[in-house]
Amino acid sequence: MANLNWHKPDDIWPSLMGLYLDSIAHEGIYIIWYEGAENTCICIGQGNIATKLKEHRNDDKIIKYSVQGPLRVTWANANPLMRDGIERFLKEKYLPLEHDSLPRDNPHEVNLPF
């Protein structure tokens, strides 16, 4: 199992909409969810974190969930050779509401952010 360092500054999950994206220079895995009675995963992906989060901020399929609760995000640096397996593991675990196909790699287990 790989141990990822999930981004959670000052022990608070960042707000997707309030995050200053120009300060993020990471490549890896990310998870977007909304707060509520049960934190519900909206999407999981990988790549350049700032670029991907900018895209999701402008995606009505993602933003529509903000009526359910504040949109939160976390990310972790991850070895590019392991990202597909990590993404698959997380998608199988959290069953995101918005998703594309699963990566072909076998799931690669990692520590969960929550």
PDB file of N, CA and C in Angstrom:
ATOM      1  N   MET A   1       0.850  -1.181   0.000  1.00  0.00           N
ATOM      2  CA  MET A   1       0.000   0.000   0.000  1.00  0.00           C
ATOM      3  C   MET A   1       0.894   1.242   0.000  1.00  0.00           C
ATOM      4  N   ALA A   2       0.570   2.191  -0.867  1.00  0.00           N
ATOM      5  CA  ALA A   2       1.299   3.457  -0.919  1.00  0.00           C
ATOM      6  C   ALA A   2       0.698   4.423   0.099  1.00  0.00           C
ATOM      7  N   ASN A   3       1.551   5.207   0.701  1.00  0.00           N
ATOM      8  CA  ASN A   3       1.103   6.186   1.681  1.00  0.00           C
ATOM      9  C   ASN A   3       1.176   7.573   1.044  1.00  0.00           C
ATOM     10  N   LEU A   4       0.014   8.169   0.771  1.00  0.00           N
ATOM     11  CA  LEU A   4      -0.045   9.495   0.160  1.00  0.00           C
ATOM     12  C   LEU A   4      -0.211  10.557   1.234  1.00  0.00           C
ATOM     13  N   ASN A   5       0.309  11.734   0.953  1.00  0.00           N
ATOM     14  CA  ASN A   5       0.177  12.873   1.856  1.00  0.00           C
ATOM     15  C   ASN A   5      -0.945  13.772   1.326  1.00  0.00           C
ATOM     16  N   TRP A   6      -2.176  13.548   1.794  1.00  0.00           N
ATOM     17  CA  TRP A   6      -3.344  14.286   1.325  1.00  0.00           C
ATOM     18  C   TRP A   6      -3.293  15.719   1.835  1.00  0.00           C
ATOM     19  N   HIS A   7      -3.553  16.666   0.943  1.00  0.00           N
ATOM     20  CA  HIS A   7      -3.490  18.098   1.264  1.00  0.00           C
ATOM     21  C   HIS A   7      -4.668  18.491   2.166  1.00  0.00           C
ATOM     22  N   LYS A   8      -4.339  18.969   3.363  1.00  0.00           N
ATOM     23  CA  LYS A   8      -5.337  19.423   4.335  1.00  0.00           C
ATOM     24  C   LYS A   8      -4.667  20.442   5.262  1.00  0.00           C
ATOM     25  N   PRO A   9      -4.456  21.670   4.748  1.00  0.00           N
ATOM     26  CA  PRO A   9      -3.747  22.664   5.548  1.00  0.00           C
ATOM     27  C   PRO A   9      -4.542  23.079   6.781  1.00  0.00           C
ATOM     28  N   ASP A  10      -3.830  23.279   7.876  1.00  0.00           N
ATOM     29  CA  ASP A  10      -4.455  23.710   9.142  1.00  0.00           C
ATOM     30  C   ASP A  10      -5.617  22.814   9.551  1.00  0.00           C
ATOM     31  N   ASP A  11      -5.560  21.539   9.128  1.00  0.00           N
ATOM     32  CA  ASP A  11      -6.572  20.542   9.465  1.00  0.00           C
ATOM     33  C   ASP A  11      -7.971  20.903   8.947  1.00  0.00           C
ATOM     34  N   ILE A  12      -8.007  21.638   7.835  1.00  0.00           N
ATOM     35  CA  ILE A  12      -9.275  22.039   7.200  1.00  0.00           C
ATOM     36  C   ILE A  12      -9.200  21.651   5.724  1.00  0.00           C
ATOM     37  N   TRP A  13     -10.236  20.953   5.240  1.00  0.00           N
ATOM     38  CA  TRP A  13     -10.268  20.602   3.823  1.00  0.00           C
ATOM     39  C   TRP A  13     -10.476  21.867   3.000  1.00  0.00           C
ATOM     40  N   PRO A  14      -9.696  22.097   1.955  1.00  0.00           N
ATOM     41  CA  PRO A  14      -9.843  23.296   1.134  1.00  0.00           C
ATOM     42  C   PRO A  14     -11.183  23.347   0.399  1.00  0.00           C
ATOM     43  N   SER A  15     -11.666  24.563   0.212  1.00  0.00           N
ATOM     44  CA  SER A  15     -12.869  24.814  -0.581  1.00  0.00           C
ATOM     45  C   SER A  15     -12.479  24.829  -2.049  1.00  0.00           C
ATOM     46  N   LEU A  16     -13.198  24.086  -2.875  1.00  0.00           N
ATOM     47  CA  LEU A  16     -12.904  24.083  -4.309  1.00  0.00           C
ATOM     48  C   LEU A  16     -13.033  25.486  -4.882  1.00  0.00           C
ATOM     49  N   MET A  17     -14.062  26.210  -4.502  1.00  0.00           N
ATOM     50  CA  MET A  17     -14.323  27.520  -5.089  1.00  0.00           C
ATOM     51  C   MET A  17     -13.433  28.609  -4.501  1.00  0.00           C
ATOM     52  N   GLY A  18     -12.951  28.446  -3.280  1.00  0.00           N
ATOM     53  CA  GLY A  18     -12.154  29.479  -2.632  1.00  0.00           C
ATOM     54  C   GLY A  18     -10.658  29.281  -2.746  1.00  0.00           C
ATOM     55  N   LEU A  19     -10.241  28.230  -3.377  1.00  0.00           N
ATOM     56  CA  LEU A  19      -8.830  27.881  -3.460  1.00  0.00           C
ATOM     57  C   LEU A  19      -8.101  28.777  -4.453  1.00  0.00           C
ATOM     58  N   TYR A  20      -6.934  29.275  -4.066  1.00  0.00           N
ATOM     59  CA  TYR A  20      -6.092  30.066  -4.962  1.00  0.00           C
ATOM     60  C   TYR A  20      -5.265  29.096  -5.793  1.00  0.00           C
ATOM     61  N   LEU A  21      -5.718  28.824  -6.999  1.00  0.00           N
ATOM     62  CA  LEU A  21      -5.132  27.766  -7.819  1.00  0.00           C
ATOM     63  C   LEU A  21      -3.748  28.095  -8.359  1.00  0.00           C
ATOM     64  N   ASP A  22      -3.428  29.376  -8.510  1.00  0.00           N
ATOM     65  CA  ASP A  22      -2.118  29.739  -9.049  1.00  0.00           C
ATOM     66  C   ASP A  22      -0.982  29.335  -8.118  1.00  0.00           C
ATOM     67  N   SER A  23      -1.306  29.042  -6.874  1.00  0.00           N
ATOM     68  CA  SER A  23      -0.262  28.647  -5.923  1.00  0.00           C
ATOM     69  C   SER A  23      -0.023  27.132  -5.908  1.00  0.00           C
ATOM     70  N   ILE A  24      -0.778  26.397  -6.700  1.00  0.00           N
ATOM     71  CA  ILE A  24      -0.662  24.937  -6.700  1.00  0.00           C
ATOM     72  C   ILE A  24       0.199  24.489  -7.876  1.00  0.00           C
ATOM     73  N   ALA A  25       1.281  23.824  -7.575  1.00  0.00           N
ATOM     74  CA  ALA A  25       2.199  23.337  -8.615  1.00  0.00           C
ATOM     75  C   ALA A  25       2.426  21.842  -8.426  1.00  0.00           C
ATOM     76  N   HIS A  26       1.324  21.109  -8.309  1.00  0.00           N
ATOM     77  CA  HIS A  26       1.425  19.676  -8.041  1.00  0.00           C
ATOM     78  C   HIS A  26       0.828  18.879  -9.188  1.00  0.00           C
ATOM     79  N   GLU A  27       1.324  17.681  -9.347  1.00  0.00           N
ATOM     80  CA  GLU A  27       0.770  16.683 -10.259  1.00  0.00           C
ATOM     81  C   GLU A  27       0.421  15.482  -9.401  1.00  0.00           C
ATOM     82  N   GLY A  28      -0.734  14.913  -9.591  1.00  0.00           N
ATOM     83  CA  GLY A  28      -1.087  13.752  -8.785  1.00  0.00           C
ATOM     84  C   GLY A  28      -2.543  13.377  -8.906  1.00  0.00           C
ATOM     85  N   ILE A  29      -3.105  12.980  -7.777  1.00  0.00           N
ATOM     86  CA  ILE A  29      -4.476  12.486  -7.667  1.00  0.00           C
ATOM     87  C   ILE A  29      -5.290  13.499  -6.871  1.00  0.00           C
ATOM     88  N   TYR A  30      -6.556  13.688  -7.234  1.00  0.00           N
ATOM     89  CA  TYR A  30      -7.417  14.597  -6.468  1.00  0.00           C
ATOM     90  C   TYR A  30      -8.802  13.987  -6.273  1.00  0.00           C
ATOM     91  N   ILE A  31      -9.481  14.488  -5.243  1.00  0.00           N
ATOM     92  CA  ILE A  31     -10.853  14.076  -4.938  1.00  0.00           C
ATOM     93  C   ILE A  31     -11.663  15.331  -4.645  1.00  0.00           C
ATOM     94  N   ILE A  32     -12.845  15.430  -5.244  1.00  0.00           N
ATOM     95  CA  ILE A  32     -13.783  16.525  -4.971  1.00  0.00           C
ATOM     96  C   ILE A  32     -15.034  15.911  -4.370  1.00  0.00           C
ATOM     97  N   TRP A  33     -15.549  16.520  -3.307  1.00  0.00           N
ATOM     98  CA  TRP A  33     -16.764  16.040  -2.656  1.00  0.00           C
ATOM     99  C   TRP A  33     -17.554  17.217  -2.113  1.00  0.00           C
ATOM    100  N   TYR A  34     -18.767  16.948  -1.672  1.00  0.00           N
ATOM    101  CA  TYR A  34     -19.518  17.997  -0.984  1.00  0.00           C
ATOM    102  C   TYR A  34     -19.785  17.560   0.443  1.00  0.00           C
ATOM    103  N   GLU A  35     -19.796  18.552   1.323  1.00  0.00           N
ATOM    104  CA  GLU A  35     -20.099  18.285   2.720  1.00  0.00           C
ATOM    105  C   GLU A  35     -21.595  18.085   2.862  1.00  0.00           C
ATOM    106  N   GLY A  36     -21.963  17.283   3.803  1.00  0.00           N
ATOM    107  CA  GLY A  36     -23.367  17.053   4.069  1.00  0.00           C
ATOM    108  C   GLY A  36     -23.498  16.062   5.192  1.00  0.00           C
ATOM    109  N   ALA A  37     -24.683  15.467   5.307  1.00  0.00           N
ATOM    110  CA  ALA A  37     -24.883  14.451   6.330  1.00  0.00           C
ATOM    111  C   ALA A  37     -23.829  13.360   6.170  1.00  0.00           C
ATOM    112  N   GLU A  38     -23.548  13.023   4.942  1.00  0.00           N
ATOM    113  CA  GLU A  38     -22.447  12.106   4.620  1.00  0.00           C
ATOM    114  C   GLU A  38     -21.648  12.784   3.522  1.00  0.00           C
ATOM    115  N   ASN A  39     -20.342  12.911   3.720  1.00  0.00           N
ATOM    116  CA  ASN A  39     -19.529  13.473   2.647  1.00  0.00           C
ATOM    117  C   ASN A  39     -19.687  12.581   1.422  1.00  0.00           C
ATOM    118  N   THR A  40     -20.058  13.183   0.307  1.00  0.00           N
ATOM    119  CA  THR A  40     -20.327  12.425  -0.899  1.00  0.00           C
ATOM    120  C   THR A  40     -19.335  12.798  -1.986  1.00  0.00           C
ATOM    121  N   CYS A  41     -18.649  11.818  -2.518  1.00  0.00           N
ATOM    122  CA  CYS A  41     -17.637  12.024  -3.547  1.00  0.00           C
ATOM    123  C   CYS A  41     -18.305  12.400  -4.870  1.00  0.00           C
ATOM    124  N   ILE A  42     -17.830  13.481  -5.451  1.00  0.00           N
ATOM    125  CA  ILE A  42     -18.352  13.920  -6.745  1.00  0.00           C
ATOM    126  C   ILE A  42     -17.475  13.391  -7.868  1.00  0.00           C
ATOM    127  N   CYS A  43     -16.164  13.607  -7.755  1.00  0.00           N
ATOM    128  CA  CYS A  43     -15.276  13.098  -8.805  1.00  0.00           C
ATOM    129  C   CYS A  43     -13.873  12.861  -8.269  1.00  0.00           C
ATOM    130  N   ILE A  44     -13.162  12.022  -8.978  1.00  0.00           N
ATOM    131  CA  ILE A  44     -11.783  11.663  -8.675  1.00  0.00           C
ATOM    132  C   ILE A  44     -11.035  11.707  -9.996  1.00  0.00           C
ATOM    133  N   GLY A  45      -9.835  12.282  -9.960  1.00  0.00           N
ATOM    134  CA  GLY A  45      -9.064  12.348 -11.190  1.00  0.00           C
ATOM    135  C   GLY A  45      -7.586  12.477 -10.915  1.00  0.00           C
ATOM    136  N   GLN A  46      -6.853  12.738 -11.978  1.00  0.00           N
ATOM    137  CA  GLN A  46      -5.400  12.838 -11.877  1.00  0.00           C
ATOM    138  C   GLN A  46      -4.877  13.797 -12.924  1.00  0.00           C
ATOM    139  N   GLY A  47      -3.655  14.250 -12.703  1.00  0.00           N
ATOM    140  CA  GLY A  47      -3.000  15.148 -13.639  1.00  0.00           C
ATOM    141  C   GLY A  47      -2.469  16.374 -12.930  1.00  0.00           C
ATOM    142  N   ASN A  48      -2.367  17.467 -13.688  1.00  0.00           N
ATOM    143  CA  ASN A  48      -1.947  18.742 -13.125  1.00  0.00           C
ATOM    144  C   ASN A  48      -3.101  19.266 -12.273  1.00  0.00           C
ATOM    145  N   ILE A  49      -2.879  19.357 -10.973  1.00  0.00           N
ATOM    146  CA  ILE A  49      -3.971  19.662 -10.042  1.00  0.00           C
ATOM    147  C   ILE A  49      -4.626  21.004 -10.351  1.00  0.00           C
ATOM    148  N   ALA A  50      -3.844  22.068 -10.522  1.00  0.00           N
ATOM    149  CA  ALA A  50      -4.419  23.394 -10.775  1.00  0.00           C
ATOM    150  C   ALA A  50      -5.263  23.401 -12.051  1.00  0.00           C
ATOM    151  N   THR A  51      -4.735  22.805 -13.106  1.00  0.00           N
ATOM    152  CA  THR A  51      -5.458  22.762 -14.379  1.00  0.00           C
ATOM    153  C   THR A  51      -6.767  21.999 -14.245  1.00  0.00           C
ATOM    154  N   LYS A  52      -6.714  20.844 -13.627  1.00  0.00           N
ATOM    155  CA  LYS A  52      -7.920  20.019 -13.473  1.00  0.00           C
ATOM    156  C   LYS A  52      -8.967  20.716 -12.607  1.00  0.00           C
ATOM    157  N   LEU A  53      -8.537  21.327 -11.503  1.00  0.00           N
ATOM    158  CA  LEU A  53      -9.502  21.994 -10.621  1.00  0.00           C
ATOM    159  C   LEU A  53     -10.121  23.219 -11.296  1.00  0.00           C
ATOM    160  N   LYS A  54      -9.356  23.936 -12.122  1.00  0.00           N
ATOM    161  CA  LYS A  54      -9.922  25.054 -12.894  1.00  0.00           C
ATOM    162  C   LYS A  54     -11.024  24.542 -13.814  1.00  0.00           C
ATOM    163  N   GLU A  55     -10.770  23.416 -14.475  1.00  0.00           N
ATOM    164  CA  GLU A  55     -11.778  22.835 -15.365  1.00  0.00           C
ATOM    165  C   GLU A  55     -13.036  22.478 -14.587  1.00  0.00           C
ATOM    166  N   HIS A  56     -12.873  21.868 -13.427  1.00  0.00           N
ATOM    167  CA  HIS A  56     -14.033  21.449 -12.640  1.00  0.00           C
ATOM    168  C   HIS A  56     -14.815  22.636 -12.080  1.00  0.00           C
ATOM    169  N   ARG A  57     -14.157  23.728 -11.780  1.00  0.00           N
ATOM    170  CA  ARG A  57     -14.846  24.934 -11.294  1.00  0.00           C
ATOM    171  C   ARG A  57     -15.812  25.486 -12.343  1.00  0.00           C
ATOM    172  N   ASN A  58     -15.511  25.218 -13.605  1.00  0.00           N
ATOM    173  CA  ASN A  58     -16.340  25.719 -14.704  1.00  0.00           C
ATOM    174  C   ASN A  58     -17.237  24.647 -15.300  1.00  0.00           C
ATOM    175  N   ASP A  59     -17.339  23.518 -14.635  1.00  0.00           N
ATOM    176  CA  ASP A  59     -18.122  22.390 -15.139  1.00  0.00           C
ATOM    177  C   ASP A  59     -19.449  22.312 -14.382  1.00  0.00           C
ATOM    178  N   ASP A  60     -20.528  22.580 -15.071  1.00  0.00           N
ATOM    179  CA  ASP A  60     -21.858  22.559 -14.435  1.00  0.00           C
ATOM    180  C   ASP A  60     -22.185  21.213 -13.806  1.00  0.00           C
ATOM    181  N   LYS A  61     -21.633  20.123 -14.363  1.00  0.00           N
ATOM    182  CA  LYS A  61     -21.881  18.797 -13.786  1.00  0.00           C
ATOM    183  C   LYS A  61     -21.310  18.692 -12.381  1.00  0.00           C
ATOM    184  N   ILE A  62     -20.260  19.448 -12.081  1.00  0.00           N
ATOM    185  CA  ILE A  62     -19.634  19.440 -10.759  1.00  0.00           C
ATOM    186  C   ILE A  62     -20.274  20.494  -9.862  1.00  0.00           C
ATOM    187  N   ILE A  63     -20.409  21.699 -10.382  1.00  0.00           N
ATOM    188  CA  ILE A  63     -20.895  22.835  -9.591  1.00  0.00           C
ATOM    189  C   ILE A  63     -22.323  22.628  -9.104  1.00  0.00           C
ATOM    190  N   LYS A  64     -23.131  21.874  -9.830  1.00  0.00           N
ATOM    191  CA  LYS A  64     -24.521  21.676  -9.420  1.00  0.00           C
ATOM    192  C   LYS A  64     -24.637  21.053  -8.025  1.00  0.00           C
ATOM    193  N   TYR A  65     -23.613  20.339  -7.581  1.00  0.00           N
ATOM    194  CA  TYR A  65     -23.661  19.689  -6.268  1.00  0.00           C
ATOM    195  C   TYR A  65     -23.457  20.670  -5.112  1.00  0.00           C
ATOM    196  N   SER A  66     -23.091  21.900  -5.416  1.00  0.00           N
ATOM    197  CA  SER A  66     -22.869  22.877  -4.348  1.00  0.00           C
ATOM    198  C   SER A  66     -24.166  23.215  -3.605  1.00  0.00           C
ATOM    199  N   VAL A  67     -25.306  22.913  -4.198  1.00  0.00           N
ATOM    200  CA  VAL A  67     -26.569  23.133  -3.476  1.00  0.00           C
ATOM    201  C   VAL A  67     -26.730  22.116  -2.349  1.00  0.00           C
ATOM    202  N   GLN A  68     -25.995  21.016  -2.420  1.00  0.00           N
ATOM    203  CA  GLN A  68     -26.048  19.982  -1.387  1.00  0.00           C
ATOM    204  C   GLN A  68     -25.171  20.325  -0.180  1.00  0.00           C
ATOM    205  N   GLY A  69     -24.120  21.098  -0.431  1.00  0.00           N
ATOM    206  CA  GLY A  69     -23.178  21.468   0.622  1.00  0.00           C
ATOM    207  C   GLY A  69     -21.921  22.035  -0.001  1.00  0.00           C
ATOM    208  N   PRO A  70     -21.058  22.639   0.816  1.00  0.00           N
ATOM    209  CA  PRO A  70     -19.825  23.215   0.283  1.00  0.00           C
ATOM    210  C   PRO A  70     -18.980  22.172  -0.440  1.00  0.00           C
ATOM    211  N   LEU A  71     -18.410  22.572  -1.566  1.00  0.00           N
ATOM    212  CA  LEU A  71     -17.547  21.676  -2.331  1.00  0.00           C
ATOM    213  C   LEU A  71     -16.146  21.719  -1.737  1.00  0.00           C
ATOM    214  N   ARG A  72     -15.605  20.572  -1.461  1.00  0.00           N
ATOM    215  CA  ARG A  72     -14.275  20.429  -0.862  1.00  0.00           C
ATOM    216  C   ARG A  72     -13.376  19.637  -1.791  1.00  0.00           C
ATOM    217  N   VAL A  73     -12.066  19.793  -1.592  1.00  0.00           N
ATOM    218  CA  VAL A  73     -11.102  19.101  -2.448  1.00  0.00           C
ATOM    219  C   VAL A  73      -9.863  18.750  -1.628  1.00  0.00           C
ATOM    220  N   THR A  74      -9.228  17.688  -2.024  1.00  0.00           N
ATOM    221  CA  THR A  74      -7.902  17.346  -1.527  1.00  0.00           C
ATOM    222  C   THR A  74      -7.141  16.701  -2.666  1.00  0.00           C
ATOM    223  N   TRP A  75      -5.815  16.703  -2.533  1.00  0.00           N
ATOM    224  CA  TRP A  75      -4.977  16.075  -3.549  1.00  0.00           C
ATOM    225  C   TRP A  75      -3.700  15.580  -2.899  1.00  0.00           C
ATOM    226  N   ALA A  76      -3.017  14.749  -3.651  1.00  0.00           N
ATOM    227  CA  ALA A  76      -1.739  14.202  -3.191  1.00  0.00           C
ATOM    228  C   ALA A  76      -0.837  13.984  -4.395  1.00  0.00           C
ATOM    229  N   ASN A  77       0.432  14.243  -4.206  1.00  0.00           N
ATOM    230  CA  ASN A  77       1.403  13.887  -5.231  1.00  0.00           C
ATOM    231  C   ASN A  77       1.423  12.367  -5.332  1.00  0.00           C
ATOM    232  N   ALA A  78       1.583  11.887  -6.540  1.00  0.00           N
ATOM    233  CA  ALA A  78       1.626  10.435  -6.739  1.00  0.00           C
ATOM    234  C   ALA A  78       2.513  10.128  -7.935  1.00  0.00           C
ATOM    235  N   ASN A  79       3.239   9.049  -7.824  1.00  0.00           N
ATOM    236  CA  ASN A  79       4.105   8.582  -8.891  1.00  0.00           C
ATOM    237  C   ASN A  79       3.271   8.417 -10.165  1.00  0.00           C
ATOM    238  N   PRO A  80       3.697   9.038 -11.278  1.00  0.00           N
ATOM    239  CA  PRO A  80       2.924   8.923 -12.522  1.00  0.00           C
ATOM    240  C   PRO A  80       2.671   7.486 -12.955  1.00  0.00           C
ATOM    241  N   LEU A  81       3.593   6.579 -12.657  1.00  0.00           N
ATOM    242  CA  LEU A  81       3.423   5.184 -13.056  1.00  0.00           C
ATOM    243  C   LEU A  81       2.372   4.463 -12.215  1.00  0.00           C
ATOM    244  N   MET A  82       2.002   5.044 -11.076  1.00  0.00           N
ATOM    245  CA  MET A  82       1.027   4.414 -10.180  1.00  0.00           C
ATOM    246  C   MET A  82      -0.343   5.101 -10.220  1.00  0.00           C
ATOM    247  N   ARG A  83      -0.449   6.241 -10.880  1.00  0.00           N
ATOM    248  CA  ARG A  83      -1.676   7.046 -10.810  1.00  0.00           C
ATOM    249  C   ARG A  83      -2.912   6.319 -11.312  1.00  0.00           C
ATOM    250  N   ASP A  84      -2.805   5.597 -12.420  1.00  0.00           N
ATOM    251  CA  ASP A  84      -3.993   4.904 -12.938  1.00  0.00           C
ATOM    252  C   ASP A  84      -4.508   3.887 -11.920  1.00  0.00           C
ATOM    253  N   GLY A  85      -3.609   3.137 -11.318  1.00  0.00           N
ATOM    254  CA  GLY A  85      -4.017   2.151 -10.322  1.00  0.00           C
ATOM    255  C   GLY A  85      -4.598   2.805  -9.081  1.00  0.00           C
ATOM    256  N   ILE A  86      -4.018   3.936  -8.666  1.00  0.00           N
ATOM    257  CA  ILE A  86      -4.537   4.668  -7.503  1.00  0.00           C
ATOM    258  C   ILE A  86      -5.918   5.226  -7.810  1.00  0.00           C
ATOM    259  N   GLU A  87      -6.057   5.828  -8.989  1.00  0.00           N
ATOM    260  CA  GLU A  87      -7.361   6.385  -9.379  1.00  0.00           C
ATOM    261  C   GLU A  87      -8.416   5.281  -9.386  1.00  0.00           C
ATOM    262  N   ARG A  88      -8.084   4.138  -9.956  1.00  0.00           N
ATOM    263  CA  ARG A  88      -9.043   3.027  -9.993  1.00  0.00           C
ATOM    264  C   ARG A  88      -9.421   2.588  -8.581  1.00  0.00           C
ATOM    265  N   PHE A  89      -8.435   2.439  -7.688  1.00  0.00           N
ATOM    266  CA  PHE A  89      -8.710   2.052  -6.305  1.00  0.00           C
ATOM    267  C   PHE A  89      -9.672   3.044  -5.646  1.00  0.00           C
ATOM    268  N   LEU A  90      -9.396   4.336  -5.791  1.00  0.00           N
ATOM    269  CA  LEU A  90     -10.234   5.355  -5.149  1.00  0.00           C
ATOM    270  C   LEU A  90     -11.642   5.388  -5.738  1.00  0.00           C
ATOM    271  N   LYS A  91     -11.755   5.241  -7.040  1.00  0.00           N
ATOM    272  CA  LYS A  91     -13.080   5.232  -7.673  1.00  0.00           C
ATOM    273  C   LYS A  91     -13.896   4.022  -7.231  1.00  0.00           C
ATOM    274  N   GLU A  92     -13.257   2.875  -7.111  1.00  0.00           N
ATOM    275  CA  GLU A  92     -13.972   1.683  -6.647  1.00  0.00           C
ATOM    276  C   GLU A  92     -14.378   1.828  -5.179  1.00  0.00           C
ATOM    277  N   LYS A  93     -13.589   2.529  -4.403  1.00  0.00           N
ATOM    278  CA  LYS A  93     -13.871   2.725  -2.975  1.00  0.00           C
ATOM    279  C   LYS A  93     -14.986   3.753  -2.751  1.00  0.00           C
ATOM    280  N   TYR A  94     -14.891   4.910  -3.419  1.00  0.00           N
ATOM    281  CA  TYR A  94     -15.801   6.028  -3.149  1.00  0.00           C
ATOM    282  C   TYR A  94     -16.988   6.136  -4.108  1.00  0.00           C
ATOM    283  N   LEU A  95     -16.955   5.447  -5.233  1.00  0.00           N
ATOM    284  CA  LEU A  95     -18.052   5.465  -6.209  1.00  0.00           C
ATOM    285  C   LEU A  95     -18.518   6.899  -6.506  1.00  0.00           C
ATOM    286  N   PRO A  96     -17.673   7.701  -7.156  1.00  0.00           N
ATOM    287  CA  PRO A  96     -18.020   9.104  -7.407  1.00  0.00           C
ATOM    288  C   PRO A  96     -19.279   9.257  -8.254  1.00  0.00           C
ATOM    289  N   LEU A  97     -20.012  10.341  -7.983  1.00  0.00           N
ATOM    290  CA  LEU A  97     -21.255  10.617  -8.693  1.00  0.00           C
ATOM    291  C   LEU A  97     -21.005  10.922 -10.172  1.00  0.00           C
ATOM    292  N   GLU A  98     -19.917  11.604 -10.451  1.00  0.00           N
ATOM    293  CA  GLU A  98     -19.537  11.933 -11.834  1.00  0.00           C
ATOM    294  C   GLU A  98     -18.245  11.191 -12.129  1.00  0.00           C
ATOM    295  N   HIS A  99     -18.250  10.378 -13.166  1.00  0.00           N
ATOM    296  CA  HIS A  99     -17.048   9.616 -13.471  1.00  0.00           C
ATOM    297  C   HIS A  99     -17.009   9.242 -14.936  1.00  0.00           C
ATOM    298  N   ASP A 100     -15.812   9.030 -15.386  1.00  0.00           N
ATOM    299  CA  ASP A 100     -15.620   8.471 -16.716  1.00  0.00           C
ATOM    300  C   ASP A 100     -15.225   7.018 -16.521  1.00  0.00           C
ATOM    301  N   SER A 101     -14.669   6.425 -17.499  1.00  0.00           N
ATOM    302  CA  SER A 101     -14.331   5.010 -17.367  1.00  0.00           C
ATOM    303  C   SER A 101     -13.198   4.815 -16.359  1.00  0.00           C
ATOM    304  N   LEU A 102     -13.138   3.604 -15.835  1.00  0.00           N
ATOM    305  CA  LEU A 102     -12.065   3.253 -14.911  1.00  0.00           C
ATOM    306  C   LEU A 102     -10.765   3.045 -15.674  1.00  0.00           C
ATOM    307  N   PRO A 103      -9.643   3.475 -15.110  1.00  0.00           N
ATOM    308  CA  PRO A 103      -8.367   3.150 -15.743  1.00  0.00           C
ATOM    309  C   PRO A 103      -8.203   1.637 -15.847  1.00  0.00           C
ATOM    310  N   ARG A 104      -7.438   1.190 -16.816  1.00  0.00           N
ATOM    311  CA  ARG A 104      -7.253  -0.249 -17.042  1.00  0.00           C
ATOM    312  C   ARG A 104      -6.345  -0.911 -16.019  1.00  0.00           C
ATOM    313  N   ASP A 105      -5.473  -0.130 -15.396  1.00  0.00           N
ATOM    314  CA  ASP A 105      -4.537  -0.717 -14.428  1.00  0.00           C
ATOM    315  C   ASP A 105      -5.286  -1.378 -13.285  1.00  0.00           C
ATOM    316  N   ASN A 106      -4.660  -2.359 -12.680  1.00  0.00           N
ATOM    317  CA  ASN A 106      -5.223  -2.965 -11.481  1.00  0.00           C
ATOM    318  C   ASN A 106      -5.226  -1.934 -10.367  1.00  0.00           C
ATOM    319  N   PRO A 107      -6.200  -2.018  -9.444  1.00  0.00           N
ATOM    320  CA  PRO A 107      -6.244  -1.056  -8.339  1.00  0.00           C
ATOM    321  C   PRO A 107      -4.944  -1.107  -7.528  1.00  0.00           C
ATOM    322  N   HIS A 108      -4.490   0.075  -7.147  1.00  0.00           N
ATOM    323  CA  HIS A 108      -3.312   0.177  -6.284  1.00  0.00           C
ATOM    324  C   HIS A 108      -3.753   0.849  -4.987  1.00  0.00           C
ATOM    325  N   GLU A 109      -3.769   0.080  -3.919  1.00  0.00           N
ATOM    326  CA  GLU A 109      -4.293   0.570  -2.644  1.00  0.00           C
ATOM    327  C   GLU A 109      -3.414   1.678  -2.063  1.00  0.00           C
ATOM    328  N   VAL A 110      -4.075   2.708  -1.537  1.00  0.00           N
ATOM    329  CA  VAL A 110      -3.410   3.816  -0.853  1.00  0.00           C
ATOM    330  C   VAL A 110      -4.180   4.131   0.416  1.00  0.00           C
ATOM    331  N   ASN A 111      -3.531   4.897   1.309  1.00  0.00           N
ATOM    332  CA  ASN A 111      -4.254   5.382   2.482  1.00  0.00           C
ATOM    333  C   ASN A 111      -5.343   6.356   2.019  1.00  0.00           C
ATOM    334  N   LEU A 112      -6.462   6.327   2.679  1.00  0.00           N
ATOM    335  CA  LEU A 112      -7.600   7.178   2.317  1.00  0.00           C
ATOM    336  C   LEU A 112      -7.512   8.519   3.041  1.00  0.00           C
ATOM    337  N   PRO A 113      -8.010   9.575   2.396  1.00  0.00           N
ATOM    338  CA  PRO A 113      -7.933  10.890   3.045  1.00  0.00           C
ATOM    339  C   PRO A 113      -8.900  11.057   4.228  1.00  0.00           C
ATOM    340  N   PHE A 114     -10.042  10.344   4.174  1.00  0.00           N
ATOM    341  CA  PHE A 114     -11.029  10.445   5.252  1.00  0.00           C
ATOM    342  C   PHE A 114     -11.761   9.120   5.388  1.00  0.00           C
TER     343      PHE A 114
END
